[in-house]
Amino acid sequence: MTIDRRSFMAASLASGLVSTGALAQTAPPSDAAKTPPAGLPEPVETIDLWPKGAPGMPASPPVETVTERSTTTQVNDRSVTGTTRPRMVVFRPDRPNGAAVLITPGGGYRLVVIDKEGYEEARWLAARGFTAFVLFYRLPGEGWKDRQDVPLADAQRAMRLIRHRAKDYAVQPERVAAMGFSAGGHVCASLSTRFAAKVYDPVDAADKLSARPFCAAPIYPVVSMDPAIAHAGSRDLLLGPAPTAELEIAHSPDRAVPKDAPPHFLLHAEDDPAVPVDNSLRLRAALKAQGVPVETHLFAQGGHGFGLRGTIGKPVEAWPELWRAWARSVGLG
């Protein structure tokens, strides 16, 4: 029997998103996820970011909640809110290529979309030799101290921990990339431009290591906090209801690109109804102005939040392989 590429992708995505595993301790029984007949096992390896608890804990900590949003029994579409135990879930390849990717899913800083912009991409990467780490980062609107730096602190700490434990995962410490989607793209772009910013107090030897990604791929990213093009929900949750102009500038990655920023891969659909394509264009212009290598792919159609599953049958379906070819060209693998 012959299976075309589109059918293969659809079958792979359906079988790759299954139940509980790393979320079992936090998901209530009513949120039990769907298990496709031929599903792959859930990841079982988790790395906590903060050994003594996350800094800046609210007086009334949020309660971690997992919600299944999928309307079909074939795939999961879980979201997480109330994360008080920031962590990474690890996807190991059968044959490691020595490179790793830290994935920051989106969710408008209101939630974190674990399957559609996390586990799905992690399985795709692991199948191609990359060790993938999906980050459960704290949400800035849930009462944390220094709310605007909470997601970046988790991302910096995650990058340093991956490097600190690189031998455990057959990863070369310098070859750790970042990839993020939507608001997670803002986390990714913030990490790739503010990797040297001091946003938390060091806790152990890992914090002596660099948080600079080897390369970065913000995908349909929230970038600017300029109200003219910002994703309003992300801006409000990150900066609060009445941010100063200085705060907007400090948390717009396009306004903070250093000359030693890593190479970037930018991807956006021009018909994105949620995050205007100007977010990626401003970041591209800022990177070019600093002489930082940047590859940019704009698609006429694709909308927002397509990840992998939302690309099937569209030109934007090519993006993962475009990223992979670019990753080879910059030496990631």
Foldseek 3Di string as FASTA:
>chain_A
DDDDPLRVLVLCQLQAAAWDAVNVVQEDPVQTAAHDPNHDDDFNDKAFLDPVWDPQAAPDQFRKYKHFDDPDNRHTWIKIARDRGKMKGKDAAPAAPQAEEEEFEDDLLRIGGPSQRHSSVQVVVSPVRYIYIYIPFHRLQRGGPLSLCRLLVSLLSVLLVCLVCVVVRSHPNQRYEYEYFEQRLLSQLCCLQVQPPCPDDDDDPSVVDTSHHQEYERELYQAALPVVFGQVSSNCRNQNDDHDPVVRLVSRSLNRHALPGHEYEYEDECQAPRGHPVSVVSNVVSCVVSVHHYHYDYHPDQYGSCRQVSCRPHPCNCVVVVVVVVCVVSPSD
